[in-house]
Amino acid sequence: MSTVETKQRGNRKERVGVVISDVQNKTIVIEVTRRTTHSLYKKVVKVKKKYTAHDEENQAKIGDTVRVVETRPLSKAKRWRLLEIISHAE
């Protein structure tokens, strides 16, 4: 092995969602929808959750499908960072 090894930072969580707000500077709000089974009634239901993510270059616009990755706390609410824009809104 070489003396210089690359350090793995560990597994970071990723989420795919739709941008619902891009009003703030360098910040987007995305909505992630997932399907889960209700614990009592066993019906499959959709659960939505909002995440605030950092968008350094203000690339993402409302309606875009994006992938965000977990990162260090950037503000009181921001713990996610924009990784890529999967598809643009039409």
PDB file of N, CA and C in Angstrom:
ATOM      1  N   MET A   1       0.831  -1.193   0.000  1.00  0.00           N
ATOM      2  CA  MET A   1       0.000   0.000   0.000  1.00  0.00           C
ATOM      3  C   MET A   1       0.871   1.249   0.000  1.00  0.00           C
ATOM      4  N   SER A   2       0.333   2.285  -0.581  1.00  0.00           N
ATOM      5  CA  SER A   2       1.070   3.540  -0.590  1.00  0.00           C
ATOM      6  C   SER A   2       0.894   4.256   0.746  1.00  0.00           C
ATOM      7  N   THR A   3       1.778   5.185   1.011  1.00  0.00           N
ATOM      8  CA  THR A   3       1.705   5.918   2.272  1.00  0.00           C
ATOM      9  C   THR A   3       0.552   6.901   2.296  1.00  0.00           C
ATOM     10  N   VAL A   4       0.140   7.356   1.116  1.00  0.00           N
ATOM     11  CA  VAL A   4      -0.975   8.301   1.029  1.00  0.00           C
ATOM     12  C   VAL A   4      -2.224   7.517   0.641  1.00  0.00           C
ATOM     13  N   GLU A   5      -3.141   7.378   1.560  1.00  0.00           N
ATOM     14  CA  GLU A   5      -4.383   6.664   1.295  1.00  0.00           C
ATOM     15  C   GLU A   5      -5.537   7.650   1.328  1.00  0.00           C
ATOM     16  N   THR A   6      -6.527   7.380   0.507  1.00  0.00           N
ATOM     17  CA  THR A   6      -7.702   8.247   0.517  1.00  0.00           C
ATOM     18  C   THR A   6      -8.581   7.865   1.692  1.00  0.00           C
ATOM     19  N   LYS A   7      -9.031   8.857   2.402  1.00  0.00           N
ATOM     20  CA  LYS A   7      -9.893   8.607   3.561  1.00  0.00           C
ATOM     21  C   LYS A   7     -11.343   8.623   3.142  1.00  0.00           C
ATOM     22  N   GLN A   8     -12.069   7.626   3.579  1.00  0.00           N
ATOM     23  CA  GLN A   8     -13.505   7.544   3.315  1.00  0.00           C
ATOM     24  C   GLN A   8     -14.228   8.319   4.408  1.00  0.00           C
ATOM     25  N   ARG A   9     -15.134   9.201   4.025  1.00  0.00           N
ATOM     26  CA  ARG A   9     -15.859   9.994   5.014  1.00  0.00           C
ATOM     27  C   ARG A   9     -17.063   9.261   5.570  1.00  0.00           C
ATOM     28  N   GLY A  10     -17.312   8.078   5.113  1.00  0.00           N
ATOM     29  CA  GLY A  10     -18.488   7.349   5.574  1.00  0.00           C
ATOM     30  C   GLY A  10     -19.626   7.502   4.595  1.00  0.00           C
ATOM     31  N   ASN A  11     -20.677   6.777   4.837  1.00  0.00           N
ATOM     32  CA  ASN A  11     -21.819   6.818   3.939  1.00  0.00           C
ATOM     33  C   ASN A  11     -22.683   8.029   4.255  1.00  0.00           C
ATOM     34  N   ARG A  12     -22.876   8.876   3.247  1.00  0.00           N
ATOM     35  CA  ARG A  12     -23.734  10.043   3.412  1.00  0.00           C
ATOM     36  C   ARG A  12     -25.081   9.751   2.789  1.00  0.00           C
ATOM     37  N   LYS A  13     -26.122  10.169   3.457  1.00  0.00           N
ATOM     38  CA  LYS A  13     -27.474   9.937   2.960  1.00  0.00           C
ATOM     39  C   LYS A  13     -27.729  10.804   1.734  1.00  0.00           C
ATOM     40  N   GLU A  14     -28.505  10.273   0.822  1.00  0.00           N
ATOM     41  CA  GLU A  14     -28.922  11.019  -0.363  1.00  0.00           C
ATOM     42  C   GLU A  14     -30.432  10.976  -0.458  1.00  0.00           C
ATOM     43  N   ARG A  15     -31.004  12.047  -0.960  1.00  0.00           N
ATOM     44  CA  ARG A  15     -32.449  12.124  -1.168  1.00  0.00           C
ATOM     45  C   ARG A  15     -32.707  12.699  -2.557  1.00  0.00           C
ATOM     46  N   VAL A  16     -33.787  12.253  -3.184  1.00  0.00           N
ATOM     47  CA  VAL A  16     -34.214  12.782  -4.477  1.00  0.00           C
ATOM     48  C   VAL A  16     -35.573  13.424  -4.263  1.00  0.00           C
ATOM     49  N   GLY A  17     -35.706  14.672  -4.704  1.00  0.00           N
ATOM     50  CA  GLY A  17     -36.966  15.381  -4.499  1.00  0.00           C
ATOM     51  C   GLY A  17     -37.167  16.470  -5.530  1.00  0.00           C
ATOM     52  N   VAL A  18     -38.268  17.188  -5.369  1.00  0.00           N
ATOM     53  CA  VAL A  18     -38.649  18.261  -6.287  1.00  0.00           C
ATOM     54  C   VAL A  18     -38.494  19.596  -5.571  1.00  0.00           C
ATOM     55  N   VAL A  19     -37.905  20.564  -6.265  1.00  0.00           N
ATOM     56  CA  VAL A  19     -37.719  21.903  -5.697  1.00  0.00           C
ATOM     57  C   VAL A  19     -39.075  22.598  -5.622  1.00  0.00           C
ATOM     58  N   ILE A  20     -39.440  23.052  -4.419  1.00  0.00           N
ATOM     59  CA  ILE A  20     -40.713  23.752  -4.252  1.00  0.00           C
ATOM     60  C   ILE A  20     -40.507  25.236  -3.950  1.00  0.00           C
ATOM     61  N   SER A  21     -39.243  25.636  -3.646  1.00  0.00           N
ATOM     62  CA  SER A  21     -38.962  27.049  -3.405  1.00  0.00           C
ATOM     63  C   SER A  21     -37.499  27.332  -3.720  1.00  0.00           C
ATOM     64  N   ASP A  22     -37.259  28.441  -4.431  1.00  0.00           N
ATOM     65  CA  ASP A  22     -35.890  28.886  -4.708  1.00  0.00           C
ATOM     66  C   ASP A  22     -35.751  30.389  -4.462  1.00  0.00           C
ATOM     67  N   VAL A  23     -36.582  30.935  -3.602  1.00  0.00           N
ATOM     68  CA  VAL A  23     -36.630  32.376  -3.360  1.00  0.00           C
ATOM     69  C   VAL A  23     -35.375  32.859  -2.626  1.00  0.00           C
ATOM     70  N   GLN A  24     -34.897  32.081  -1.659  1.00  0.00           N
ATOM     71  CA  GLN A  24     -33.751  32.500  -0.861  1.00  0.00           C
ATOM     72  C   GLN A  24     -32.458  32.392  -1.660  1.00  0.00           C
ATOM     73  N   ASN A  25     -31.492  33.242  -1.320  1.00  0.00           N
ATOM     74  CA  ASN A  25     -30.205  33.217  -2.000  1.00  0.00           C
ATOM     75  C   ASN A  25     -29.392  32.013  -1.548  1.00  0.00           C
ATOM     76  N   LYS A  26     -28.924  31.195  -2.492  1.00  0.00           N
ATOM     77  CA  LYS A  26     -28.111  29.999  -2.253  1.00  0.00           C
ATOM     78  C   LYS A  26     -28.822  28.929  -1.433  1.00  0.00           C
ATOM     79  N   THR A  27     -30.138  28.948  -1.406  1.00  0.00           N
ATOM     80  CA  THR A  27     -30.905  27.970  -0.646  1.00  0.00           C
ATOM     81  C   THR A  27     -32.110  27.530  -1.458  1.00  0.00           C
ATOM     82  N   ILE A  28     -32.375  26.222  -1.425  1.00  0.00           N
ATOM     83  CA  ILE A  28     -33.583  25.683  -2.047  1.00  0.00           C
ATOM     84  C   ILE A  28     -34.314  24.843  -1.016  1.00  0.00           C
ATOM     85  N   VAL A  29     -35.612  24.726  -1.195  1.00  0.00           N
ATOM     86  CA  VAL A  29     -36.423  23.844  -0.365  1.00  0.00           C
ATOM     87  C   VAL A  29     -36.932  22.748  -1.286  1.00  0.00           C
ATOM     88  N   ILE A  30     -36.672  21.493  -0.900  1.00  0.00           N
ATOM     89  CA  ILE A  30     -37.136  20.381  -1.723  1.00  0.00           C
ATOM     90  C   ILE A  30     -38.149  19.559  -0.936  1.00  0.00           C
ATOM     91  N   GLU A  31     -39.027  18.898  -1.676  1.00  0.00           N
ATOM     92  CA  GLU A  31     -40.027  18.034  -1.071  1.00  0.00           C
ATOM     93  C   GLU A  31     -39.756  16.605  -1.527  1.00  0.00           C
ATOM     94  N   VAL A  32     -39.547  15.727  -0.555  1.00  0.00           N
ATOM     95  CA  VAL A  32     -39.273  14.317  -0.833  1.00  0.00           C
ATOM     96  C   VAL A  32     -40.522  13.524  -0.490  1.00  0.00           C
ATOM     97  N   THR A  33     -41.005  12.745  -1.446  1.00  0.00           N
ATOM     98  CA  THR A  33     -42.187  11.923  -1.236  1.00  0.00           C
ATOM     99  C   THR A  33     -41.763  10.470  -1.174  1.00  0.00           C
ATOM    100  N   ARG A  34     -42.214   9.763  -0.139  1.00  0.00           N
ATOM    101  CA  ARG A  34     -41.934   8.337  -0.040  1.00  0.00           C
ATOM    102  C   ARG A  34     -43.211   7.607   0.309  1.00  0.00           C
ATOM    103  N   ARG A  35     -43.233   6.314   0.010  1.00  0.00           N
ATOM    104  CA  ARG A  35     -44.408   5.502   0.307  1.00  0.00           C
ATOM    105  C   ARG A  35     -44.089   4.602   1.483  1.00  0.00           C
ATOM    106  N   THR A  36     -45.016   4.533   2.424  1.00  0.00           N
ATOM    107  CA  THR A  36     -44.820   3.693   3.597  1.00  0.00           C
ATOM    108  C   THR A  36     -46.148   3.056   3.972  1.00  0.00           C
ATOM    109  N   THR A  37     -46.093   2.012   4.765  1.00  0.00           N
ATOM    110  CA  THR A  37     -47.293   1.312   5.198  1.00  0.00           C
ATOM    111  C   THR A  37     -47.744   1.858   6.543  1.00  0.00           C
ATOM    112  N   HIS A  38     -49.019   2.162   6.666  1.00  0.00           N
ATOM    113  CA  HIS A  38     -49.577   2.631   7.921  1.00  0.00           C
ATOM    114  C   HIS A  38     -49.468   1.502   8.949  1.00  0.00           C
ATOM    115  N   SER A  39     -49.016   1.838  10.155  1.00  0.00           N
ATOM    116  CA  SER A  39     -48.729   0.812  11.149  1.00  0.00           C
ATOM    117  C   SER A  39     -49.967   0.059  11.634  1.00  0.00           C
ATOM    118  N   LEU A  40     -51.103   0.738  11.724  1.00  0.00           N
ATOM    119  CA  LEU A  40     -52.316   0.082  12.218  1.00  0.00           C
ATOM    120  C   LEU A  40     -53.177  -0.463  11.080  1.00  0.00           C
ATOM    121  N   TYR A  41     -53.406   0.353  10.052  1.00  0.00           N
ATOM    122  CA  TYR A  41     -54.361  -0.017   9.014  1.00  0.00           C
ATOM    123  C   TYR A  41     -53.723  -0.714   7.808  1.00  0.00           C
ATOM    124  N   LYS A  42     -52.396  -0.760   7.758  1.00  0.00           N
ATOM    125  CA  LYS A  42     -51.661  -1.486   6.713  1.00  0.00           C
ATOM    126  C   LYS A  42     -51.910  -0.955   5.301  1.00  0.00           C
ATOM    127  N   LYS A  43     -52.412   0.240   5.192  1.00  0.00           N
ATOM    128  CA  LYS A  43     -52.621   0.850   3.884  1.00  0.00           C
ATOM    129  C   LYS A  43     -51.342   1.582   3.476  1.00  0.00           C
ATOM    130  N   VAL A  44     -51.000   1.517   2.192  1.00  0.00           N
ATOM    131  CA  VAL A  44     -49.830   2.233   1.691  1.00  0.00           C
ATOM    132  C   VAL A  44     -50.205   3.703   1.525  1.00  0.00           C
ATOM    133  N   VAL A  45     -49.442   4.573   2.196  1.00  0.00           N
ATOM    134  CA  VAL A  45     -49.713   6.004   2.157  1.00  0.00           C
ATOM    135  C   VAL A  45     -48.462   6.755   1.707  1.00  0.00           C
ATOM    136  N   LYS A  46     -48.670   7.934   1.106  1.00  0.00           N
ATOM    137  CA  LYS A  46     -47.558   8.786   0.721  1.00  0.00           C
ATOM    138  C   LYS A  46     -47.226   9.712   1.883  1.00  0.00           C
ATOM    139  N   VAL A  47     -45.943   9.851   2.178  1.00  0.00           N
ATOM    140  CA  VAL A  47     -45.479  10.744   3.224  1.00  0.00           C
ATOM    141  C   VAL A  47     -44.551  11.758   2.578  1.00  0.00           C
ATOM    142  N   LYS A  48     -44.812  13.051   2.799  1.00  0.00           N
ATOM    143  CA  LYS A  48     -43.998  14.114   2.233  1.00  0.00           C
ATOM    144  C   LYS A  48     -43.192  14.783   3.332  1.00  0.00           C
ATOM    145  N   LYS A  49     -41.960  15.148   3.005  1.00  0.00           N
ATOM    146  CA  LYS A  49     -41.123  15.865   3.957  1.00  0.00           C
ATOM    147  C   LYS A  49     -40.322  16.923   3.213  1.00  0.00           C
ATOM    148  N   LYS A  50     -40.139  18.080   3.848  1.00  0.00           N
ATOM    149  CA  LYS A  50     -39.388  19.172   3.245  1.00  0.00           C
ATOM    150  C   LYS A  50     -37.974  19.215   3.823  1.00  0.00           C
ATOM    151  N   TYR A  51     -37.006  19.452   2.948  1.00  0.00           N
ATOM    152  CA  TYR A  51     -35.615  19.618   3.341  1.00  0.00           C
ATOM    153  C   TYR A  51     -35.108  20.937   2.785  1.00  0.00           C
ATOM    154  N   THR A  52     -34.295  21.641   3.562  1.00  0.00           N
ATOM    155  CA  THR A  52     -33.652  22.864   3.118  1.00  0.00           C
ATOM    156  C   THR A  52     -32.228  22.508   2.712  1.00  0.00           C
ATOM    157  N   ALA A  53     -31.842  22.866   1.491  1.00  0.00           N
ATOM    158  CA  ALA A  53     -30.538  22.472   0.963  1.00  0.00           C
ATOM    159  C   ALA A  53     -29.770  23.679   0.447  1.00  0.00           C
ATOM    160  N   HIS A  54     -28.447  23.552   0.451  1.00  0.00           N
ATOM    161  CA  HIS A  54     -27.557  24.613  -0.016  1.00  0.00           C
ATOM    162  C   HIS A  54     -27.335  24.466  -1.515  1.00  0.00           C
ATOM    163  N   ASP A  55     -27.554  25.549  -2.249  1.00  0.00           N
ATOM    164  CA  ASP A  55     -27.350  25.587  -3.703  1.00  0.00           C
ATOM    165  C   ASP A  55     -26.394  26.744  -3.987  1.00  0.00           C
ATOM    166  N   GLU A  56     -25.107  26.451  -4.027  1.00  0.00           N
ATOM    167  CA  GLU A  56     -24.062  27.478  -4.102  1.00  0.00           C
ATOM    168  C   GLU A  56     -24.217  28.414  -5.294  1.00  0.00           C
ATOM    169  N   GLU A  57     -24.586  27.896  -6.458  1.00  0.00           N
ATOM    170  CA  GLU A  57     -24.620  28.710  -7.673  1.00  0.00           C
ATOM    171  C   GLU A  57     -26.031  29.072  -8.119  1.00  0.00           C
ATOM    172  N   ASN A  58     -27.020  28.869  -7.267  1.00  0.00           N
ATOM    173  CA  ASN A  58     -28.422  29.164  -7.583  1.00  0.00           C
ATOM    174  C   ASN A  58     -28.856  28.535  -8.913  1.00  0.00           C
ATOM    175  N   GLN A  59     -28.525  27.273  -9.125  1.00  0.00           N
ATOM    176  CA  GLN A  59     -28.832  26.580 -10.378  1.00  0.00           C
ATOM    177  C   GLN A  59     -30.258  26.056 -10.417  1.00  0.00           C
ATOM    178  N   ALA A  60     -30.731  25.504  -9.314  1.00  0.00           N
ATOM    179  CA  ALA A  60     -32.025  24.818  -9.291  1.00  0.00           C
ATOM    180  C   ALA A  60     -33.177  25.816  -9.304  1.00  0.00           C
ATOM    181  N   LYS A  61     -34.205  25.474 -10.049  1.00  0.00           N
ATOM    182  CA  LYS A  61     -35.407  26.303 -10.140  1.00  0.00           C
ATOM    183  C   LYS A  61     -36.615  25.483  -9.701  1.00  0.00           C
ATOM    184  N   ILE A  62     -37.726  26.148  -9.449  1.00  0.00           N
ATOM    185  CA  ILE A  62     -38.945  25.471  -8.993  1.00  0.00           C
ATOM    186  C   ILE A  62     -39.369  24.426 -10.016  1.00  0.00           C
ATOM    187  N   GLY A  63     -39.652  23.229  -9.525  1.00  0.00           N
ATOM    188  CA  GLY A  63     -40.105  22.146 -10.390  1.00  0.00           C
ATOM    189  C   GLY A  63     -39.003  21.191 -10.811  1.00  0.00           C
ATOM    190  N   ASP A  64     -37.731  21.565 -10.607  1.00  0.00           N
ATOM    191  CA  ASP A  64     -36.623  20.683 -10.971  1.00  0.00           C
ATOM    192  C   ASP A  64     -36.571  19.481 -10.028  1.00  0.00           C
ATOM    193  N   THR A  65     -36.195  18.335 -10.571  1.00  0.00           N
ATOM    194  CA  THR A  65     -35.939  17.149  -9.754  1.00  0.00           C
ATOM    195  C   THR A  65     -34.455  17.125  -9.445  1.00  0.00           C
ATOM    196  N   VAL A  66     -34.115  17.072  -8.160  1.00  0.00           N
ATOM    197  CA  VAL A  66     -32.718  17.192  -7.746  1.00  0.00           C
ATOM    198  C   VAL A  66     -32.329  16.074  -6.785  1.00  0.00           C
ATOM    199  N   ARG A  67     -31.016  15.869  -6.672  1.00  0.00           N
ATOM    200  CA  ARG A  67     -30.461  14.934  -5.690  1.00  0.00           C
ATOM    201  C   ARG A  67     -29.655  15.762  -4.696  1.00  0.00           C
ATOM    202  N   VAL A  68     -29.920  15.568  -3.408  1.00  0.00           N
ATOM    203  CA  VAL A  68     -29.181  16.268  -2.358  1.00  0.00           C
ATOM    204  C   VAL A  68     -28.453  15.241  -1.501  1.00  0.00           C
ATOM    205  N   VAL A  69     -27.374  15.692  -0.879  1.00  0.00           N
ATOM    206  CA  VAL A  69     -26.556  14.809  -0.050  1.00  0.00           C
ATOM    207  C   VAL A  69     -26.380  15.455   1.319  1.00  0.00           C
ATOM    208  N   GLU A  70     -26.276  14.619   2.328  1.00  0.00           N
ATOM    209  CA  GLU A  70     -26.101  15.071   3.706  1.00  0.00           C
ATOM    210  C   GLU A  70     -24.745  15.759   3.850  1.00  0.00           C
ATOM    211  N   THR A  71     -24.701  16.810   4.675  1.00  0.00           N
ATOM    212  CA  THR A  71     -23.457  17.538   4.900  1.00  0.00           C
ATOM    213  C   THR A  71     -23.446  18.095   6.319  1.00  0.00           C
ATOM    214  N   ARG A  72     -22.378  18.780   6.663  1.00  0.00           N
ATOM    215  CA  ARG A  72     -22.296  19.385   8.001  1.00  0.00           C
ATOM    216  C   ARG A  72     -23.353  20.479   8.114  1.00  0.00           C
ATOM    217  N   PRO A  73     -23.718  20.864   9.333  1.00  0.00           N
ATOM    218  CA  PRO A  73     -24.697  21.942   9.488  1.00  0.00           C
ATOM    219  C   PRO A  73     -24.172  23.256   8.900  1.00  0.00           C
ATOM    220  N   LEU A  74     -24.936  23.823   7.966  1.00  0.00           N
ATOM    221  CA  LEU A  74     -24.546  25.073   7.326  1.00  0.00           C
ATOM    222  C   LEU A  74     -25.283  26.260   7.920  1.00  0.00           C
ATOM    223  N   SER A  75     -26.420  26.008   8.543  1.00  0.00           N
ATOM    224  CA  SER A  75     -27.184  27.045   9.234  1.00  0.00           C
ATOM    225  C   SER A  75     -28.116  26.330  10.204  1.00  0.00           C
ATOM    226  N   LYS A  76     -29.043  27.068  10.763  1.00  0.00           N
ATOM    227  CA  LYS A  76     -29.989  26.468  11.700  1.00  0.00           C
ATOM    228  C   LYS A  76     -30.798  25.355  11.049  1.00  0.00           C
ATOM    229  N   ALA A  77     -31.162  25.534   9.793  1.00  0.00           N
ATOM    230  CA  ALA A  77     -32.031  24.572   9.122  1.00  0.00           C
ATOM    231  C   ALA A  77     -31.340  23.744   8.045  1.00  0.00           C
ATOM    232  N   LYS A  78     -30.222  24.226   7.488  1.00  0.00           N
ATOM    233  CA  LYS A  78     -29.603  23.561   6.339  1.00  0.00           C
ATOM    234  C   LYS A  78     -28.602  22.497   6.774  1.00  0.00           C
ATOM    235  N   ARG A  79     -28.922  21.237   6.407  1.00  0.00           N
ATOM    236  CA  ARG A  79     -28.016  20.122   6.648  1.00  0.00           C
ATOM    237  C   ARG A  79     -27.815  19.303   5.375  1.00  0.00           C
ATOM    238  N   TRP A  80     -28.254  19.836   4.242  1.00  0.00           N
ATOM    239  CA  TRP A  80     -28.180  19.143   2.957  1.00  0.00           C
ATOM    240  C   TRP A  80     -27.542  20.065   1.937  1.00  0.00           C
ATOM    241  N   ARG A  81     -26.926  19.464   0.898  1.00  0.00           N
ATOM    242  CA  ARG A  81     -26.245  20.204  -0.149  1.00  0.00           C
ATOM    243  C   ARG A  81     -26.681  19.640  -1.498  1.00  0.00           C
ATOM    244  N   LEU A  82     -26.897  20.518  -2.462  1.00  0.00           N
ATOM    245  CA  LEU A  82     -27.291  20.097  -3.804  1.00  0.00           C
ATOM    246  C   LEU A  82     -26.150  19.324  -4.447  1.00  0.00           C
ATOM    247  N   LEU A  83     -26.442  18.098  -4.902  1.00  0.00           N
ATOM    248  CA  LEU A  83     -25.436  17.269  -5.554  1.00  0.00           C
ATOM    249  C   LEU A  83     -25.563  17.373  -7.066  1.00  0.00           C
ATOM    250  N   GLU A  84     -26.790  17.224  -7.590  1.00  0.00           N
ATOM    251  CA  GLU A  84     -27.000  17.318  -9.025  1.00  0.00           C
ATOM    252  C   GLU A  84     -28.458  17.617  -9.328  1.00  0.00           C
ATOM    253  N   ILE A  85     -28.675  18.177 -10.506  1.00  0.00           N
ATOM    254  CA  ILE A  85     -30.030  18.382 -10.999  1.00  0.00           C
ATOM    255  C   ILE A  85     -30.319  17.227 -11.957  1.00  0.00           C
ATOM    256  N   ILE A  86     -31.298  16.398 -11.612  1.00  0.00           N
ATOM    257  CA  ILE A  86     -31.610  15.216 -12.414  1.00  0.00           C
ATOM    258  C   ILE A  86     -32.368  15.615 -13.665  1.00  0.00           C
ATOM    259  N   SER A  87     -33.406  16.437 -13.494  1.00  0.00           N
ATOM    260  CA  SER A  87     -34.169  16.907 -14.659  1.00  0.00           C
ATOM    261  C   SER A  87     -34.701  18.295 -14.376  1.00  0.00           C
ATOM    262  N   HIS A  88     -34.796  19.093 -15.430  1.00  0.00           N
ATOM    263  CA  HIS A  88     -35.304  20.450 -15.306  1.00  0.00           C
ATOM    264  C   HIS A  88     -36.828  20.462 -15.485  1.00  0.00           C
ATOM    265  N   ALA A  89     -37.473  21.444 -14.893  1.00  0.00           N
ATOM    266  CA  ALA A  89     -38.919  21.607 -15.040  1.00  0.00           C
ATOM    267  C   ALA A  89     -39.230  22.035 -16.463  1.00  0.00           C
ATOM    268  N   GLU A  90     -40.410  21.673 -16.920  1.00  0.00           N
ATOM    269  CA  GLU A  90     -40.808  22.019 -18.287  1.00  0.00           C
ATOM    270  C   GLU A  90     -41.655  23.277 -18.319  1.00  0.00           C
TER     271      GLU A  90
END
